[in-house]
N, C-alpha and C. Protein backbone atom coordinates (compact mmCIF):
# COMPACT_ATOMS: atom_id res chain seq x y z
N MET A 1 48.12 -53.39 92.69
CA MET A 1 46.87 -52.77 93.12
C MET A 1 47.19 -51.36 93.63
N ASN A 2 46.41 -50.39 93.22
CA ASN A 2 46.64 -49.01 93.61
C ASN A 2 46.12 -48.75 95.01
N GLN A 3 46.91 -47.98 95.75
CA GLN A 3 46.54 -47.55 97.10
C GLN A 3 45.44 -46.49 96.99
N PRO A 4 44.31 -46.65 97.70
CA PRO A 4 43.30 -45.59 97.68
C PRO A 4 43.89 -44.29 98.22
N VAL A 5 43.46 -43.18 97.67
CA VAL A 5 43.98 -41.87 98.10
C VAL A 5 42.87 -41.10 98.81
N LEU A 6 43.29 -40.23 99.70
CA LEU A 6 42.34 -39.38 100.40
C LEU A 6 41.62 -38.48 99.40
N PRO A 7 40.36 -38.16 99.66
CA PRO A 7 39.68 -37.20 98.78
C PRO A 7 40.39 -35.84 98.89
N LEU A 8 40.18 -35.00 97.91
CA LEU A 8 40.78 -33.68 97.96
C LEU A 8 40.23 -32.92 99.15
N TYR A 9 41.11 -32.30 99.89
CA TYR A 9 40.71 -31.55 101.08
C TYR A 9 39.65 -30.51 100.73
N ALA A 10 39.92 -29.72 99.71
CA ALA A 10 39.02 -28.61 99.35
C ALA A 10 37.63 -29.14 99.00
N THR A 11 37.56 -30.24 98.30
CA THR A 11 36.28 -30.82 97.90
C THR A 11 35.48 -31.26 99.12
N LEU A 12 36.14 -31.97 100.02
CA LEU A 12 35.45 -32.45 101.21
C LEU A 12 35.10 -31.30 102.15
N ALA A 13 36.04 -30.38 102.35
CA ALA A 13 35.82 -29.28 103.28
C ALA A 13 34.66 -28.38 102.86
N GLN A 14 34.44 -28.25 101.56
CA GLN A 14 33.40 -27.35 101.06
C GLN A 14 32.10 -28.06 100.72
N SER A 15 32.03 -29.36 101.01
CA SER A 15 30.81 -30.08 100.64
C SER A 15 29.66 -29.71 101.57
N PRO A 16 28.46 -29.66 101.04
CA PRO A 16 27.28 -29.37 101.88
C PRO A 16 27.12 -30.37 103.02
N LEU A 17 27.54 -31.61 102.78
CA LEU A 17 27.43 -32.63 103.82
C LEU A 17 28.25 -32.25 105.05
N MET A 18 29.46 -31.73 104.84
CA MET A 18 30.29 -31.33 105.98
C MET A 18 29.60 -30.23 106.79
N ASN A 19 28.97 -29.30 106.10
CA ASN A 19 28.22 -28.25 106.80
C ASN A 19 27.09 -28.84 107.62
N SER A 20 26.39 -29.82 107.07
CA SER A 20 25.26 -30.41 107.80
C SER A 20 25.73 -31.24 108.99
N LEU A 21 26.94 -31.78 108.92
CA LEU A 21 27.46 -32.57 110.04
C LEU A 21 27.96 -31.68 111.17
N GLY A 22 28.28 -30.44 110.87
CA GLY A 22 28.74 -29.51 111.89
C GLY A 22 30.15 -29.78 112.38
N VAL A 23 30.98 -30.35 111.54
CA VAL A 23 32.36 -30.66 111.90
C VAL A 23 33.24 -30.32 110.70
N GLU A 24 34.44 -29.86 110.98
CA GLU A 24 35.38 -29.55 109.91
C GLU A 24 36.02 -30.84 109.39
N ALA A 25 36.40 -30.83 108.13
CA ALA A 25 36.98 -32.01 107.50
C ALA A 25 38.21 -32.56 108.23
N PRO A 26 39.17 -31.70 108.65
CA PRO A 26 40.32 -32.28 109.34
C PRO A 26 39.96 -32.89 110.70
N GLU A 27 39.01 -32.29 111.39
CA GLU A 27 38.59 -32.85 112.68
C GLU A 27 37.89 -34.19 112.49
N LEU A 28 37.09 -34.30 111.44
CA LEU A 28 36.41 -35.56 111.14
C LEU A 28 37.43 -36.64 110.81
N HIS A 29 38.41 -36.28 109.97
CA HIS A 29 39.43 -37.27 109.62
C HIS A 29 40.26 -37.65 110.85
N GLY A 30 40.60 -36.67 111.66
CA GLY A 30 41.31 -36.98 112.90
C GLY A 30 40.51 -37.92 113.78
N GLY A 31 39.20 -37.68 113.88
CA GLY A 31 38.34 -38.55 114.67
C GLY A 31 38.32 -39.97 114.14
N LEU A 32 38.22 -40.10 112.83
CA LEU A 32 38.26 -41.43 112.21
C LEU A 32 39.59 -42.11 112.50
N CYS A 33 40.68 -41.39 112.34
CA CYS A 33 42.00 -41.96 112.57
C CYS A 33 42.17 -42.36 114.03
N GLY A 34 41.77 -41.50 114.95
CA GLY A 34 41.88 -41.81 116.36
C GLY A 34 41.06 -43.04 116.74
N TYR A 35 39.86 -43.12 116.18
CA TYR A 35 38.98 -44.26 116.46
C TYR A 35 39.63 -45.56 115.97
N LEU A 36 40.11 -45.54 114.73
CA LEU A 36 40.73 -46.74 114.18
C LEU A 36 42.06 -47.06 114.86
N CYS A 37 42.88 -46.05 115.11
CA CYS A 37 44.18 -46.27 115.75
C CYS A 37 44.04 -46.76 117.18
N GLY A 38 42.98 -46.37 117.84
CA GLY A 38 42.72 -46.81 119.21
C GLY A 38 42.12 -48.20 119.29
N GLY A 39 41.84 -48.80 118.14
CA GLY A 39 41.29 -50.16 118.11
C GLY A 39 39.80 -50.23 117.94
N GLY A 40 39.15 -49.09 117.64
CA GLY A 40 37.71 -49.09 117.41
C GLY A 40 37.35 -49.92 116.19
N GLN A 41 36.24 -50.59 116.26
CA GLN A 41 35.79 -51.44 115.16
C GLN A 41 34.73 -50.71 114.35
N ALA A 42 35.01 -50.52 113.08
CA ALA A 42 34.07 -49.83 112.19
C ALA A 42 34.18 -50.46 110.82
N ASN A 43 33.22 -50.08 109.96
CA ASN A 43 33.30 -50.49 108.56
C ASN A 43 32.96 -49.28 107.70
N ALA A 44 33.03 -49.47 106.39
CA ALA A 44 32.86 -48.35 105.46
C ALA A 44 31.49 -47.70 105.57
N GLU A 45 30.49 -48.44 106.04
CA GLU A 45 29.14 -47.89 106.12
C GLU A 45 28.84 -47.20 107.45
N ASN A 46 29.35 -47.74 108.55
CA ASN A 46 28.92 -47.25 109.87
C ASN A 46 29.92 -46.33 110.57
N TRP A 47 31.08 -46.10 110.00
CA TRP A 47 32.12 -45.36 110.71
C TRP A 47 31.70 -43.94 111.09
N LEU A 48 30.94 -43.29 110.25
CA LEU A 48 30.58 -41.90 110.50
C LEU A 48 29.74 -41.76 111.77
N SER A 49 28.75 -42.62 111.95
CA SER A 49 27.92 -42.53 113.15
C SER A 49 28.73 -42.88 114.40
N LEU A 50 29.70 -43.78 114.26
CA LEU A 50 30.53 -44.14 115.41
C LEU A 50 31.47 -43.00 115.80
N VAL A 51 32.11 -42.40 114.81
CA VAL A 51 33.08 -41.33 115.07
C VAL A 51 32.39 -40.06 115.58
N LEU A 52 31.19 -39.80 115.07
CA LEU A 52 30.44 -38.63 115.53
C LEU A 52 29.62 -38.95 116.77
N SER A 53 29.61 -40.22 117.15
CA SER A 53 28.83 -40.69 118.30
C SER A 53 27.38 -40.21 118.19
N ASP A 54 26.80 -40.47 117.01
CA ASP A 54 25.45 -40.01 116.72
C ASP A 54 24.73 -41.07 115.89
N ASP A 55 23.81 -41.78 116.52
CA ASP A 55 23.06 -42.84 115.83
C ASP A 55 22.16 -42.29 114.74
N ALA A 56 21.86 -41.00 114.77
CA ALA A 56 20.97 -40.41 113.77
C ALA A 56 21.67 -40.18 112.43
N VAL A 57 23.00 -40.28 112.41
CA VAL A 57 23.75 -40.08 111.17
C VAL A 57 23.55 -41.31 110.29
N HIS A 58 23.22 -41.08 109.05
CA HIS A 58 22.98 -42.17 108.11
C HIS A 58 24.28 -42.86 107.72
N GLU A 59 24.14 -44.08 107.22
CA GLU A 59 25.30 -44.81 106.76
C GLU A 59 25.97 -44.09 105.59
N VAL A 60 27.26 -44.33 105.45
CA VAL A 60 28.03 -43.74 104.36
C VAL A 60 27.73 -44.51 103.08
N GLU A 61 27.39 -43.76 102.04
CA GLU A 61 27.09 -44.37 100.74
C GLU A 61 28.38 -44.73 100.02
N PRO A 62 28.46 -45.92 99.42
CA PRO A 62 29.64 -46.29 98.64
C PRO A 62 29.89 -45.28 97.51
N GLY A 63 31.15 -45.05 97.21
CA GLY A 63 31.52 -44.17 96.11
C GLY A 63 31.56 -42.69 96.46
N THR A 64 31.21 -42.32 97.68
CA THR A 64 31.22 -40.91 98.07
C THR A 64 32.59 -40.52 98.61
N ASP A 65 32.79 -39.22 98.80
CA ASP A 65 34.04 -38.75 99.38
C ASP A 65 34.26 -39.34 100.77
N LEU A 66 33.18 -39.50 101.55
CA LEU A 66 33.33 -40.07 102.89
C LEU A 66 33.72 -41.54 102.84
N ALA A 67 33.22 -42.27 101.85
CA ALA A 67 33.64 -43.66 101.68
C ALA A 67 35.11 -43.71 101.27
N GLN A 68 35.50 -42.80 100.40
CA GLN A 68 36.89 -42.72 99.96
C GLN A 68 37.79 -42.36 101.14
N LEU A 69 37.34 -41.47 102.01
CA LEU A 69 38.10 -41.07 103.19
C LEU A 69 38.37 -42.29 104.08
N TYR A 70 37.34 -43.09 104.30
CA TYR A 70 37.48 -44.29 105.13
C TYR A 70 38.44 -45.29 104.48
N GLU A 71 38.23 -45.58 103.21
CA GLU A 71 39.05 -46.57 102.52
C GLU A 71 40.51 -46.16 102.46
N ALA A 72 40.78 -44.90 102.14
CA ALA A 72 42.16 -44.42 102.06
C ALA A 72 42.82 -44.41 103.43
N THR A 73 42.07 -44.07 104.46
CA THR A 73 42.61 -44.05 105.81
C THR A 73 42.99 -45.46 106.26
N CYS A 74 42.10 -46.41 106.06
CA CYS A 74 42.39 -47.79 106.43
C CYS A 74 43.59 -48.33 105.66
N ALA A 75 43.64 -48.03 104.37
CA ALA A 75 44.77 -48.50 103.55
C ALA A 75 46.07 -47.85 104.00
N GLY A 76 46.02 -46.58 104.31
CA GLY A 76 47.23 -45.89 104.77
C GLY A 76 47.74 -46.45 106.08
N LEU A 77 46.84 -46.72 107.00
CA LEU A 77 47.25 -47.28 108.29
C LEU A 77 47.79 -48.69 108.15
N ALA A 78 47.29 -49.44 107.19
CA ALA A 78 47.73 -50.81 106.98
C ALA A 78 49.00 -50.90 106.12
N SER A 79 49.37 -49.81 105.49
CA SER A 79 50.50 -49.80 104.56
C SER A 79 51.82 -50.09 105.27
N GLU A 80 52.56 -51.00 104.71
CA GLU A 80 53.89 -51.30 105.24
C GLU A 80 54.90 -50.25 104.81
N GLU A 81 54.52 -49.40 103.86
CA GLU A 81 55.39 -48.32 103.38
C GLU A 81 55.07 -47.00 104.08
N PHE A 82 54.31 -47.03 105.14
CA PHE A 82 53.96 -45.85 105.93
C PHE A 82 53.33 -44.76 105.06
N GLU A 83 52.35 -45.14 104.27
CA GLU A 83 51.69 -44.22 103.35
C GLU A 83 50.52 -43.48 104.00
N PHE A 84 50.34 -43.65 105.28
CA PHE A 84 49.29 -42.95 106.00
C PHE A 84 49.54 -41.45 105.92
N ASP A 85 48.47 -40.68 105.70
CA ASP A 85 48.60 -39.23 105.63
C ASP A 85 47.42 -38.56 106.33
N LEU A 86 47.62 -37.31 106.69
CA LEU A 86 46.59 -36.52 107.34
C LEU A 86 45.80 -35.74 106.29
N LEU A 87 44.51 -35.57 106.50
CA LEU A 87 43.70 -34.75 105.60
C LEU A 87 43.82 -33.30 106.05
N LEU A 88 44.65 -32.55 105.34
CA LEU A 88 44.90 -31.14 105.65
C LEU A 88 44.87 -30.34 104.36
N PRO A 89 44.75 -29.02 104.46
CA PRO A 89 44.79 -28.20 103.25
C PRO A 89 46.10 -28.43 102.47
N ASP A 90 46.05 -28.21 101.18
CA ASP A 90 47.21 -28.38 100.33
C ASP A 90 48.34 -27.43 100.73
N SER A 91 49.53 -27.75 100.32
CA SER A 91 50.71 -26.97 100.69
C SER A 91 50.69 -25.55 100.15
N ASP A 92 49.84 -25.27 99.17
CA ASP A 92 49.76 -23.90 98.66
C ASP A 92 48.82 -23.02 99.51
N ALA A 93 48.11 -23.62 100.46
CA ALA A 93 47.26 -22.84 101.36
C ALA A 93 48.15 -22.11 102.37
N PRO A 94 47.69 -20.99 102.89
CA PRO A 94 48.49 -20.27 103.89
C PRO A 94 48.81 -21.16 105.10
N VAL A 95 50.00 -20.98 105.65
CA VAL A 95 50.42 -21.82 106.77
C VAL A 95 49.47 -21.65 107.96
N ALA A 96 48.87 -20.50 108.12
CA ALA A 96 47.92 -20.29 109.22
C ALA A 96 46.70 -21.20 109.05
N GLU A 97 46.22 -21.34 107.84
CA GLU A 97 45.08 -22.22 107.57
C GLU A 97 45.45 -23.68 107.82
N ARG A 98 46.64 -24.07 107.37
CA ARG A 98 47.09 -25.44 107.57
C ARG A 98 47.34 -25.72 109.05
N GLY A 99 47.88 -24.73 109.76
CA GLY A 99 48.12 -24.90 111.20
C GLY A 99 46.83 -25.08 111.97
N ASP A 100 45.84 -24.26 111.68
CA ASP A 100 44.54 -24.39 112.34
C ASP A 100 43.90 -25.75 112.03
N ALA A 101 44.05 -26.21 110.79
CA ALA A 101 43.51 -27.51 110.41
C ALA A 101 44.23 -28.64 111.16
N LEU A 102 45.53 -28.49 111.36
CA LEU A 102 46.29 -29.50 112.09
C LEU A 102 45.82 -29.59 113.54
N LEU A 103 45.56 -28.44 114.15
CA LEU A 103 45.04 -28.45 115.53
C LEU A 103 43.67 -29.13 115.57
N ALA A 104 42.81 -28.84 114.60
CA ALA A 104 41.49 -29.48 114.53
C ALA A 104 41.64 -30.99 114.34
N TRP A 105 42.59 -31.40 113.50
CA TRP A 105 42.84 -32.82 113.28
C TRP A 105 43.22 -33.49 114.59
N CYS A 106 44.11 -32.85 115.34
CA CYS A 106 44.55 -33.41 116.63
C CYS A 106 43.39 -33.52 117.62
N ARG A 107 42.53 -32.49 117.67
CA ARG A 107 41.37 -32.56 118.57
C ARG A 107 40.47 -33.73 118.18
N GLY A 108 40.24 -33.88 116.89
CA GLY A 108 39.43 -35.00 116.43
C GLY A 108 40.07 -36.34 116.76
N PHE A 109 41.37 -36.41 116.57
CA PHE A 109 42.09 -37.65 116.84
C PHE A 109 41.94 -38.06 118.30
N LEU A 110 42.15 -37.12 119.19
CA LEU A 110 42.04 -37.43 120.61
C LEU A 110 40.62 -37.86 120.98
N GLY A 111 39.63 -37.20 120.38
CA GLY A 111 38.24 -37.61 120.61
C GLY A 111 37.98 -39.01 120.09
N GLY A 112 38.52 -39.31 118.92
CA GLY A 112 38.35 -40.65 118.34
C GLY A 112 38.99 -41.73 119.19
N VAL A 113 40.17 -41.44 119.73
CA VAL A 113 40.83 -42.40 120.62
C VAL A 113 39.93 -42.65 121.83
N GLY A 114 39.38 -41.60 122.39
CA GLY A 114 38.48 -41.75 123.53
C GLY A 114 37.27 -42.59 123.18
N LEU A 115 36.68 -42.36 122.02
CA LEU A 115 35.50 -43.13 121.60
C LEU A 115 35.84 -44.59 121.32
N SER A 116 37.07 -44.86 120.96
CA SER A 116 37.48 -46.23 120.62
C SER A 116 37.51 -47.14 121.86
N GLY A 117 37.61 -46.53 123.02
CA GLY A 117 37.70 -47.32 124.24
C GLY A 117 39.12 -47.81 124.52
N ALA A 118 40.10 -47.22 123.85
CA ALA A 118 41.49 -47.63 124.06
C ALA A 118 41.89 -47.44 125.52
N ASP A 119 42.62 -48.40 126.04
CA ASP A 119 43.08 -48.35 127.43
C ASP A 119 44.48 -47.75 127.45
N VAL A 120 44.57 -46.49 127.81
CA VAL A 120 45.84 -45.78 127.79
C VAL A 120 46.86 -46.47 128.70
N LYS A 121 46.41 -47.04 129.80
CA LYS A 121 47.32 -47.69 130.74
C LYS A 121 48.02 -48.91 130.14
N ARG A 122 47.42 -49.49 129.12
CA ARG A 122 48.01 -50.68 128.48
C ARG A 122 48.93 -50.31 127.32
N MET A 123 49.01 -49.02 127.01
CA MET A 123 49.86 -48.57 125.91
C MET A 123 51.30 -48.44 126.39
N SER A 124 52.21 -48.49 125.43
CA SER A 124 53.62 -48.30 125.77
C SER A 124 53.83 -46.88 126.30
N GLU A 125 54.90 -46.71 127.02
CA GLU A 125 55.22 -45.38 127.55
C GLU A 125 55.41 -44.38 126.41
N GLU A 126 56.02 -44.83 125.33
CA GLU A 126 56.24 -43.96 124.17
C GLU A 126 54.91 -43.50 123.57
N THR A 127 53.94 -44.40 123.48
CA THR A 127 52.63 -44.04 122.95
C THR A 127 51.90 -43.09 123.90
N GLN A 128 51.99 -43.34 125.19
CA GLN A 128 51.37 -42.45 126.16
C GLN A 128 51.97 -41.04 126.05
N ASP A 129 53.28 -40.97 125.89
CA ASP A 129 53.94 -39.67 125.73
C ASP A 129 53.47 -38.97 124.45
N ALA A 130 53.33 -39.75 123.38
CA ALA A 130 52.87 -39.17 122.11
C ALA A 130 51.45 -38.62 122.26
N LEU A 131 50.58 -39.34 122.96
CA LEU A 131 49.22 -38.85 123.18
C LEU A 131 49.22 -37.57 124.01
N THR A 132 50.08 -37.52 125.01
CA THR A 132 50.21 -36.30 125.82
C THR A 132 50.64 -35.14 124.93
N ASP A 133 51.62 -35.39 124.07
CA ASP A 133 52.09 -34.35 123.16
C ASP A 133 50.99 -33.92 122.19
N LEU A 134 50.20 -34.87 121.70
CA LEU A 134 49.09 -34.52 120.81
C LEU A 134 48.08 -33.64 121.54
N GLY A 135 47.86 -33.91 122.80
CA GLY A 135 46.97 -33.08 123.61
C GLY A 135 47.50 -31.66 123.72
N ARG A 136 48.79 -31.53 123.91
CA ARG A 136 49.40 -30.20 123.98
C ARG A 136 49.27 -29.47 122.64
N ILE A 137 49.49 -30.20 121.57
CA ILE A 137 49.36 -29.59 120.24
C ILE A 137 47.93 -29.13 120.02
N ALA A 138 46.97 -30.00 120.34
CA ALA A 138 45.56 -29.67 120.14
C ALA A 138 45.13 -28.44 120.93
N ALA A 139 45.74 -28.23 122.08
CA ALA A 139 45.38 -27.10 122.95
C ALA A 139 46.19 -25.84 122.64
N SER A 140 47.06 -25.91 121.66
CA SER A 140 47.94 -24.78 121.34
C SER A 140 47.19 -23.62 120.71
N GLU A 141 47.76 -22.46 120.91
CA GLU A 141 47.32 -21.27 120.18
C GLU A 141 48.51 -20.86 119.32
N LEU A 142 48.28 -20.78 118.06
CA LEU A 142 49.37 -20.53 117.12
C LEU A 142 49.51 -19.04 116.84
N SER A 143 50.75 -18.63 116.64
CA SER A 143 51.02 -17.27 116.17
C SER A 143 51.99 -17.40 115.01
N TYR A 144 51.86 -16.53 114.07
CA TYR A 144 52.67 -16.61 112.85
C TYR A 144 53.46 -15.32 112.71
N GLU A 145 54.78 -15.48 112.73
CA GLU A 145 55.65 -14.32 112.69
C GLU A 145 56.62 -14.32 111.53
N ASP A 146 57.14 -15.50 111.18
CA ASP A 146 58.14 -15.60 110.13
C ASP A 146 57.72 -16.73 109.19
N ALA A 147 57.39 -16.39 107.98
CA ALA A 147 56.83 -17.36 107.03
C ALA A 147 57.73 -18.59 106.86
N ASP A 148 59.03 -18.40 106.73
CA ASP A 148 59.91 -19.54 106.51
C ASP A 148 59.99 -20.45 107.73
N SER A 149 60.19 -19.88 108.90
CA SER A 149 60.27 -20.72 110.10
C SER A 149 58.91 -21.30 110.46
N ASP A 150 57.82 -20.57 110.17
CA ASP A 150 56.48 -21.10 110.41
C ASP A 150 56.23 -22.32 109.53
N GLU A 151 56.64 -22.24 108.28
CA GLU A 151 56.48 -23.35 107.34
C GLU A 151 57.27 -24.57 107.81
N GLU A 152 58.49 -24.33 108.23
CA GLU A 152 59.34 -25.42 108.72
C GLU A 152 58.74 -26.05 109.97
N ALA A 153 58.28 -25.22 110.89
CA ALA A 153 57.67 -25.74 112.12
C ALA A 153 56.41 -26.54 111.81
N PHE A 154 55.60 -26.04 110.88
CA PHE A 154 54.39 -26.77 110.50
C PHE A 154 54.75 -28.15 109.97
N GLU A 155 55.74 -28.23 109.09
CA GLU A 155 56.14 -29.51 108.51
C GLU A 155 56.62 -30.47 109.60
N GLU A 156 57.41 -29.98 110.53
CA GLU A 156 57.91 -30.83 111.61
C GLU A 156 56.78 -31.33 112.50
N VAL A 157 55.89 -30.45 112.87
CA VAL A 157 54.80 -30.84 113.78
C VAL A 157 53.82 -31.77 113.07
N SER A 158 53.50 -31.50 111.81
CA SER A 158 52.58 -32.39 111.10
C SER A 158 53.18 -33.78 110.91
N GLU A 159 54.49 -33.85 110.69
CA GLU A 159 55.13 -35.17 110.57
C GLU A 159 55.12 -35.88 111.93
N PHE A 160 55.35 -35.15 113.00
CA PHE A 160 55.26 -35.75 114.34
C PHE A 160 53.86 -36.32 114.57
N VAL A 161 52.84 -35.56 114.22
CA VAL A 161 51.46 -36.00 114.42
C VAL A 161 51.18 -37.26 113.61
N ARG A 162 51.63 -37.28 112.38
CA ARG A 162 51.45 -38.46 111.50
C ARG A 162 52.11 -39.70 112.12
N VAL A 163 53.33 -39.54 112.57
CA VAL A 163 54.06 -40.67 113.16
C VAL A 163 53.42 -41.09 114.49
N ALA A 164 52.97 -40.14 115.28
CA ALA A 164 52.30 -40.46 116.54
C ALA A 164 51.05 -41.30 116.30
N ALA A 165 50.29 -40.95 115.27
CA ALA A 165 49.08 -41.73 114.94
C ALA A 165 49.47 -43.16 114.55
N MET A 166 50.51 -43.30 113.74
CA MET A 166 50.94 -44.64 113.34
C MET A 166 51.47 -45.43 114.55
N LEU A 167 52.12 -44.74 115.47
CA LEU A 167 52.62 -45.38 116.69
C LEU A 167 51.45 -45.93 117.51
N LEU A 168 50.42 -45.12 117.68
CA LEU A 168 49.24 -45.56 118.42
C LEU A 168 48.59 -46.75 117.73
N HIS A 169 48.47 -46.68 116.41
CA HIS A 169 47.89 -47.79 115.64
C HIS A 169 48.71 -49.06 115.84
N SER A 170 50.01 -48.93 115.80
CA SER A 170 50.89 -50.08 116.00
C SER A 170 50.72 -50.67 117.40
N ASP A 171 50.61 -49.81 118.39
CA ASP A 171 50.51 -50.24 119.78
C ASP A 171 49.14 -50.87 120.08
N CYS A 172 48.08 -50.25 119.59
CA CYS A 172 46.72 -50.68 119.96
C CYS A 172 46.10 -51.68 119.00
N VAL A 173 46.52 -51.66 117.75
CA VAL A 173 45.88 -52.53 116.76
C VAL A 173 46.83 -53.63 116.29
N LEU A 174 48.00 -53.24 115.81
CA LEU A 174 48.91 -54.24 115.27
C LEU A 174 49.53 -55.10 116.37
N GLY A 175 49.90 -54.48 117.50
CA GLY A 175 50.49 -55.23 118.60
C GLY A 175 49.59 -56.35 119.09
N PRO A 176 48.33 -56.05 119.42
CA PRO A 176 47.44 -57.13 119.87
C PRO A 176 47.21 -58.21 118.81
N ARG A 177 47.17 -57.83 117.53
CA ARG A 177 47.00 -58.85 116.47
C ARG A 177 48.19 -59.79 116.46
N HIS A 178 49.39 -59.22 116.57
CA HIS A 178 50.59 -60.04 116.56
C HIS A 178 50.66 -60.93 117.81
N ARG A 179 50.25 -60.38 118.95
CA ARG A 179 50.25 -61.18 120.18
C ARG A 179 49.26 -62.35 120.06
N ARG A 180 48.10 -62.13 119.43
CA ARG A 180 47.12 -63.21 119.26
C ARG A 180 47.68 -64.28 118.34
N LYS A 181 48.42 -63.90 117.32
CA LYS A 181 49.01 -64.89 116.40
C LYS A 181 50.04 -65.76 117.09
N LEU A 182 50.72 -65.21 118.09
CA LEU A 182 51.75 -65.95 118.77
C LEU A 182 51.19 -66.98 119.74
N HIS A 183 49.95 -66.82 120.15
CA HIS A 183 49.37 -67.74 121.15
C HIS A 183 48.46 -68.75 120.52
C-alpha cells in the first residue's frame, strides 16, 4: 500500500482557499501536526475547524488538497519508517523563503499543541526541552549572510523540528496507547 504524500507546497500555498483562511500553508500544517502530536482528536472532515479554532470553517471535502494534507500527515506520523515530513517550500526555493516558512510552521505547531490540550507537565523532560527549543525557533529572526552555511543551518534546524514533532507524538500519543495496552 502506498504512503499518502503531502500536497505540493506551491499548489496549496497559492490556492484561493488558503487566502480565504488567512493562514499560510506551513503554519496550517504546523498547526495540524501540533494538534495531532499533542493528542488532539480529529478526523479528515473536521480537522480544519479544530486547528483554526473556528466553528464557522466548513468541513474538509474528500479528495481536496486539505484532505490529502490530513491523510499524509497522519500516515507520516504513524509510519514506523519515520516518513513524517514538514510542508515547506521545495529545496529549489531561496533559503530565506524556506527559513521563513519553517518559522511559520513552528508557530503553527506550538499553537496546535496548545489547542490539543496536551499537558506539558506530563511530558518527558526531553519533550519539554524540544518544545522550548521550538518556541525559540518560532521567535527567531533570521539573517542570511552565507548561502552555503545558511543552507546547511536550514537543513539541520528543519531536521531538528521534524524529529521534535515525532518526539512529541511519541510522548503524547504513542506512549499513552502503549500504556493502555499494558493494563
